[in-house]
Amino acid sequence: MHINNVSQKTSLSMPIMWGIFSIIYTVALLLAYFMNVSEAASIESFCNWVKDAFNTVFAIEPDGFWMAWVLFIILPLVVYLGFILSIITRQKALKEFNSKLNLKSIDFLQGRINFNFNRPQYNFVCGYSDINSLELTVITDLVSTKYGYTTALKEIVLNFKVLNNKTFYLSNTSSFPMQTIYKIIDYTRSVNNFTYNFRGPGNTEDIKEKIDTYLNKGFKQILSNQVENNFKYLSIVLFIIGTTIAYTAKDVIESAYKNNLFIVCLPFFVMIIASFIIDIWLIADKLRERKYRG
């Protein structure tokens, strides 16, 4: 298993995120342009359309002023400047990283670990038995959602101490942090002194339960007990709300359906379908767990 030394500053996550925002805004703007202009597409035609669209929205009372500024001035400045600045920030971090001797990556192999530096002449190979200690630090952060704050895995840090008491560390911002942690545990089971800890805000009991379960039983637990209960309650709430509103507003839904206003019906059916999907997911997870444990 190959793991690159990628910190938050050198990660591609921010440029990718801002790039996605930029693409979404650009595609939405172009779709609106092509749907409202019958003449041949050109840069001049597009600029004229944006100007006309801005003036049209600006003239709407009473909120047209701020809507026009947000849609056509502030929003593009934020997404495009955010994309450009994230690339510049990452390039500066990469330049600083490469200016010093740093661990570039490691390769977990059968019976040994390859330590690869940004200056290849310092690369070396070390057996698992030659590692005095390996400490896995899971850095967490609180992420705000519309349902409140939740704990997210922000970064994984590996601290190695080899026989000559030299220490090396590596950071990684994996897209799938739990899978990376599981693989690290697999390869380092023969390390004499393996420990892990958490650093950062948030409740880490769910993550700790998954790591301990895999360390002791070798089972990759998808949902912790608490999260599983939360999903059960969520499924019940979605089903009750969806069916209740659908039954109460059945006349409105029927009228909307006849008038081809399918979007009015969508929220109720999405709630009910989401409830069934969650139930199927929970059942599949339990069947997988029972099959694995025999």
Protein backbone atom coordinates (compact mmCIF):
# COMPACT_ATOMS: atom_id res chain seq x y z
CA MET A 1 0.00 0.00 0.00
CA HIS A 2 1.36 3.37 -1.08
CA ILE A 3 0.68 6.42 1.10
CA ASN A 4 1.77 9.90 0.08
CA ASN A 5 2.78 12.59 2.55
CA VAL A 6 -0.12 14.95 1.87
CA SER A 7 -1.08 17.51 4.49
CA GLN A 8 -4.08 19.82 4.42
CA LYS A 9 -1.96 22.51 2.78
CA THR A 10 -0.62 20.28 -0.02
CA SER A 11 -3.84 18.35 -0.56
CA LEU A 12 -5.85 18.68 -3.77
CA SER A 13 -9.11 18.68 -1.81
CA MET A 14 -9.55 22.47 -1.72
CA PRO A 15 -8.72 23.08 -5.42
CA ILE A 16 -11.05 20.23 -6.36
CA MET A 17 -13.85 21.58 -4.16
CA TRP A 18 -13.55 25.11 -5.56
CA GLY A 19 -13.19 23.65 -9.06
CA ILE A 20 -16.49 21.78 -8.64
CA PHE A 21 -18.21 24.98 -7.45
CA SER A 22 -16.79 26.84 -10.46
CA ILE A 23 -17.96 24.15 -12.89
CA ILE A 24 -21.46 24.06 -11.37
CA TYR A 25 -21.82 27.85 -11.63
CA THR A 26 -20.41 27.93 -15.18
CA VAL A 27 -22.66 25.10 -16.40
CA ALA A 28 -25.74 26.70 -14.80
CA LEU A 29 -24.93 30.06 -16.41
CA LEU A 30 -24.33 28.50 -19.84
CA LEU A 31 -27.53 26.44 -19.64
CA ALA A 32 -29.52 29.58 -18.83
CA TYR A 33 -27.82 31.35 -21.75
CA PHE A 34 -28.53 28.63 -24.34
CA MET A 35 -32.12 28.22 -23.14
CA ASN A 36 -32.92 31.93 -23.50
CA VAL A 37 -30.98 32.97 -26.62
CA SER A 38 -32.04 31.95 -30.11
CA GLU A 39 -29.23 33.63 -32.05
CA ALA A 40 -25.87 32.05 -32.84
CA ALA A 41 -23.72 31.54 -29.76
CA SER A 42 -20.74 33.86 -29.41
CA ILE A 43 -18.75 35.60 -26.70
CA GLU A 44 -20.34 38.93 -27.61
CA SER A 45 -23.82 37.40 -27.50
CA PHE A 46 -23.07 35.80 -24.12
CA CYS A 47 -21.82 39.10 -22.63
CA ASN A 48 -24.91 40.92 -23.91
CA TRP A 49 -27.16 38.24 -22.44
CA VAL A 50 -25.45 38.47 -19.03
CA LYS A 51 -25.89 42.25 -19.09
CA ASP A 52 -29.59 41.94 -20.01
CA ALA A 53 -30.13 39.22 -17.40
CA PHE A 54 -28.50 41.39 -14.73
CA ASN A 55 -30.72 44.36 -15.62
CA THR A 56 -33.83 42.16 -15.69
CA VAL A 57 -33.17 40.69 -12.25
CA PHE A 58 -32.09 44.11 -10.94
CA ALA A 59 -35.48 45.57 -11.90
CA ILE A 60 -37.45 42.99 -9.91
CA GLU A 61 -39.08 44.45 -6.80
CA PRO A 62 -38.31 44.36 -3.93
CA ASP A 63 -35.28 42.02 -3.85
CA GLY A 64 -33.93 42.41 -7.37
CA PHE A 65 -31.04 44.66 -6.37
CA TRP A 66 -29.27 42.22 -4.05
CA MET A 67 -30.26 39.15 -6.13
CA ALA A 68 -28.61 40.61 -9.24
CA TRP A 69 -25.44 41.46 -7.35
CA VAL A 70 -25.24 38.04 -5.68
CA LEU A 71 -25.97 36.00 -8.84
CA PHE A 72 -23.86 37.91 -11.36
CA ILE A 73 -21.16 39.71 -9.35
CA ILE A 74 -20.49 38.29 -5.87
CA LEU A 75 -21.03 34.57 -6.58
CA PRO A 76 -18.71 34.34 -9.63
CA LEU A 77 -16.05 36.38 -7.82
CA VAL A 78 -16.18 34.02 -4.83
CA VAL A 79 -16.09 30.74 -6.78
CA TYR A 80 -13.51 31.74 -9.40
CA LEU A 81 -11.22 33.62 -7.01
CA GLY A 82 -11.56 30.79 -4.50
CA PHE A 83 -10.46 28.31 -7.17
CA ILE A 84 -7.48 30.43 -8.24
CA LEU A 85 -6.35 31.20 -4.68
CA SER A 86 -6.61 27.54 -3.63
CA ILE A 87 -4.28 26.56 -6.48
CA ILE A 88 -1.80 29.32 -5.59
CA THR A 89 -1.85 28.36 -1.89
CA ARG A 90 -1.23 24.69 -2.70
CA GLN A 91 1.66 25.51 -5.04
CA LYS A 92 3.32 27.62 -2.32
CA ALA A 93 2.91 24.78 0.19
CA LEU A 94 4.41 22.28 -2.28
CA LYS A 95 7.36 24.58 -2.92
CA GLU A 96 8.00 24.91 0.81
CA PHE A 97 7.68 21.13 1.29
CA ASN A 98 10.19 20.36 -1.46
CA SER A 99 12.69 22.95 -0.21
CA LYS A 100 13.50 20.77 2.83
CA LEU A 101 14.24 17.09 3.39
CA ASN A 102 10.84 15.51 3.98
CA LEU A 103 9.34 12.07 3.82
CA LYS A 104 7.54 12.00 0.47
CA SER A 105 5.74 8.67 0.78
CA ILE A 106 5.88 5.20 2.29
CA ASP A 107 5.14 1.79 0.82
CA PHE A 108 3.69 -0.86 3.12
CA LEU A 109 4.87 -4.16 1.62
CA GLN A 110 4.99 -7.75 2.79
CA GLY A 111 7.66 -7.87 5.49
CA ARG A 112 9.04 -4.36 5.01
CA ILE A 113 8.32 -0.66 4.64
CA ASN A 114 9.92 1.55 2.02
CA PHE A 115 10.58 5.10 3.21
CA ASN A 116 10.73 7.44 0.21
CA PHE A 117 12.03 10.99 0.59
CA ASN A 118 11.79 13.99 -1.71
CA ARG A 119 15.54 13.48 -2.16
CA PRO A 120 15.86 9.86 -3.37
CA GLN A 121 19.41 9.36 -2.05
CA TYR A 122 17.97 9.23 1.48
CA ASN A 123 15.46 6.44 0.75
CA PHE A 124 15.75 3.31 2.89
CA VAL A 125 13.96 0.04 3.64
CA CYS A 126 12.96 -1.09 7.12
CA GLY A 127 11.47 -4.37 8.34
CA TYR A 128 8.41 -4.26 10.58
CA SER A 129 10.40 -5.86 13.40
CA ASP A 130 12.93 -3.02 13.14
CA ILE A 131 10.32 -0.45 14.08
CA ASN A 132 10.44 0.45 17.76
CA SER A 133 7.05 2.12 17.72
CA LEU A 134 4.35 3.33 15.39
CA GLU A 135 1.80 5.87 16.55
CA LEU A 136 -1.30 6.55 14.49
CA THR A 137 -2.83 9.95 15.20
CA VAL A 138 -6.31 10.61 13.84
CA ILE A 139 -6.97 14.34 13.55
CA THR A 140 -10.64 15.25 13.74
CA ASP A 141 -12.64 18.37 13.13
CA LEU A 142 -16.19 19.56 13.66
CA VAL A 143 -18.17 20.03 10.46
CA SER A 144 -21.31 22.14 10.49
CA THR A 145 -24.38 20.72 8.76
CA LYS A 146 -28.02 21.75 8.74
CA TYR A 147 -28.58 19.08 11.40
CA GLY A 148 -25.87 20.45 13.69
CA TYR A 149 -22.19 19.61 14.13
CA THR A 150 -20.69 16.25 13.24
CA THR A 151 -17.18 14.84 13.69
CA ALA A 152 -15.14 14.34 10.53
CA LEU A 153 -11.76 12.67 10.01
CA LYS A 154 -9.56 15.48 8.78
CA GLU A 155 -6.10 13.95 8.61
CA ILE A 156 -4.09 10.84 9.48
CA VAL A 157 -0.57 11.20 10.91
CA LEU A 158 1.89 8.30 11.23
CA ASN A 159 4.84 8.70 13.61
CA PHE A 160 7.59 6.11 13.14
CA LYS A 161 10.51 5.39 15.45
CA VAL A 162 13.03 2.92 14.01
CA LEU A 163 15.85 0.96 15.71
CA ASN A 164 18.39 3.77 15.56
CA ASN A 165 15.82 5.97 17.34
CA LYS A 166 15.31 8.12 14.28
CA THR A 167 11.77 9.44 13.98
CA PHE A 168 9.77 10.11 10.85
CA TYR A 169 6.25 11.31 10.38
CA LEU A 170 3.83 11.31 7.50
CA SER A 171 0.49 13.07 7.09
CA ASN A 172 -2.28 11.96 4.77
CA THR A 173 -5.66 13.46 3.90
CA SER A 174 -7.33 10.40 2.44
CA SER A 175 -10.70 10.57 0.67
CA PHE A 176 -11.59 7.35 2.51
CA PRO A 177 -9.81 7.71 5.88
CA MET A 178 -11.34 4.66 7.59
CA GLN A 179 -10.29 2.37 4.73
CA THR A 180 -6.77 3.79 4.95
CA ILE A 181 -6.72 3.18 8.71
CA TYR A 182 -7.87 -0.43 8.21
CA LYS A 183 -5.09 -1.07 5.66
CA ILE A 184 -2.46 0.47 7.96
CA ILE A 185 -3.61 -1.84 10.77
CA ASP A 186 -3.42 -4.85 8.43
CA TYR A 187 0.18 -4.17 7.46
CA THR A 188 1.42 -3.18 10.91
CA ARG A 189 0.03 -6.03 13.02
CA SER A 190 3.58 -7.35 13.43
CA VAL A 191 4.88 -4.02 14.77
CA ASN A 192 5.87 -4.45 18.41
CA ASN A 193 4.43 -1.20 19.71
CA PHE A 194 1.43 0.08 17.74
CA THR A 195 -0.76 2.73 19.36
CA TYR A 196 -3.36 5.19 18.18
CA ASN A 197 -4.86 8.37 19.53
CA PHE A 198 -7.12 11.24 18.53
CA ARG A 199 -6.44 14.93 18.27
CA GLY A 200 -9.00 17.60 17.62
CA PRO A 201 -12.57 18.47 18.57
CA GLY A 202 -15.63 16.27 18.33
CA ASN A 203 -16.92 12.97 19.66
CA THR A 204 -14.62 10.12 18.59
CA GLU A 205 -16.41 7.22 20.29
CA ASP A 206 -17.84 5.91 16.98
CA ILE A 207 -14.43 5.96 15.29
CA LYS A 208 -12.73 4.38 18.32
CA GLU A 209 -15.32 1.59 18.32
CA LYS A 210 -14.60 0.82 14.64
CA ILE A 211 -10.82 0.79 15.14
CA ASP A 212 -11.00 -1.39 18.27
CA THR A 213 -13.38 -3.81 16.53
CA TYR A 214 -10.99 -4.21 13.62
CA LEU A 215 -7.92 -4.50 15.85
CA ASN A 216 -9.49 -7.21 18.00
CA LYS A 217 -11.83 -9.03 15.59
CA GLY A 218 -10.68 -8.08 12.09
CA PHE A 219 -14.19 -6.92 11.18
CA LYS A 220 -14.64 -3.67 9.26
CA GLN A 221 -17.60 -2.17 11.02
CA ILE A 222 -19.47 0.23 8.74
CA LEU A 223 -21.86 1.63 11.33
CA SER A 224 -21.21 2.00 15.03
CA ASN A 225 -24.00 1.03 17.40
CA GLN A 226 -24.98 4.65 18.05
CA VAL A 227 -24.99 5.61 14.37
CA GLU A 228 -27.02 2.50 13.53
CA ASN A 229 -29.67 3.54 16.07
CA ASN A 230 -29.68 7.07 14.66
CA PHE A 231 -30.33 5.74 11.16
CA LYS A 232 -33.17 3.57 12.46
CA TYR A 233 -34.84 6.62 14.01
CA LEU A 234 -34.21 8.64 10.85
CA SER A 235 -35.88 5.96 8.72
CA ILE A 236 -38.94 5.94 10.99
CA VAL A 237 -39.21 9.74 11.00
CA LEU A 238 -38.86 10.02 7.22
CA PHE A 239 -41.49 7.35 6.62
CA ILE A 240 -44.00 8.87 9.06
CA ILE A 241 -43.54 12.43 7.79
CA GLY A 242 -43.60 11.38 4.14
CA THR A 243 -46.73 9.22 4.39
CA THR A 244 -48.56 11.68 6.67
CA ILE A 245 -47.96 14.69 4.43
CA ALA A 246 -48.69 12.66 1.29
CA TYR A 247 -52.03 11.50 2.74
CA THR A 248 -52.96 14.95 4.08
CA ALA A 249 -52.10 16.71 0.83
CA LYS A 250 -53.35 13.99 -1.52
CA ASP A 251 -55.71 16.39 -3.32
CA VAL A 252 -52.90 18.88 -3.93
CA ILE A 253 -50.59 16.09 -5.13
CA GLU A 254 -53.26 14.70 -7.47
CA SER A 255 -53.90 18.15 -8.94
CA ALA A 256 -50.17 18.80 -9.38
CA TYR A 257 -49.72 15.40 -11.05
CA LYS A 258 -52.52 16.11 -13.53
CA ASN A 259 -50.92 19.46 -14.38
CA ASN A 260 -47.50 17.83 -14.89
CA LEU A 261 -46.07 19.63 -11.85
CA PHE A 262 -44.13 16.56 -10.74
CA ILE A 263 -41.73 18.63 -8.65
CA VAL A 264 -44.53 19.26 -6.13
CA CYS A 265 -44.90 15.51 -5.55
CA LEU A 266 -41.17 14.86 -5.38
CA PRO A 267 -40.36 15.77 -1.71
CA PHE A 268 -42.97 13.38 -0.24
CA PHE A 269 -41.91 10.43 -2.37
CA VAL A 270 -38.21 11.15 -1.76
CA MET A 271 -38.80 10.88 2.01
CA ILE A 272 -40.59 7.53 1.66
CA ILE A 273 -38.03 6.12 -0.80
CA ALA A 274 -35.15 7.34 1.41
CA SER A 275 -36.73 5.52 4.36
CA PHE A 276 -36.78 2.23 2.42
CA ILE A 277 -33.21 2.74 1.17
CA ILE A 278 -31.97 3.27 4.75
CA ASP A 279 -33.80 0.11 5.88
CA ILE A 280 -32.28 -1.95 3.06
CA TRP A 281 -28.83 -0.56 3.89
CA LEU A 282 -29.19 -1.43 7.59
CA ILE A 283 -30.40 -4.96 6.78
CA ALA A 284 -27.55 -5.50 4.31
CA ASP A 285 -25.02 -4.31 6.89
CA LYS A 286 -26.37 -6.75 9.49
CA LEU A 287 -26.38 -9.65 7.02
CA ARG A 288 -22.81 -8.83 6.04
CA GLU A 289 -21.74 -8.75 9.71
CA ARG A 290 -23.40 -12.11 10.47
CA LYS A 291 -21.92 -13.73 7.37
CA TYR A 292 -18.45 -12.46 8.26
CA ARG A 293 -18.65 -13.68 11.83
CA GLY A 294 -20.15 -16.98 10.82
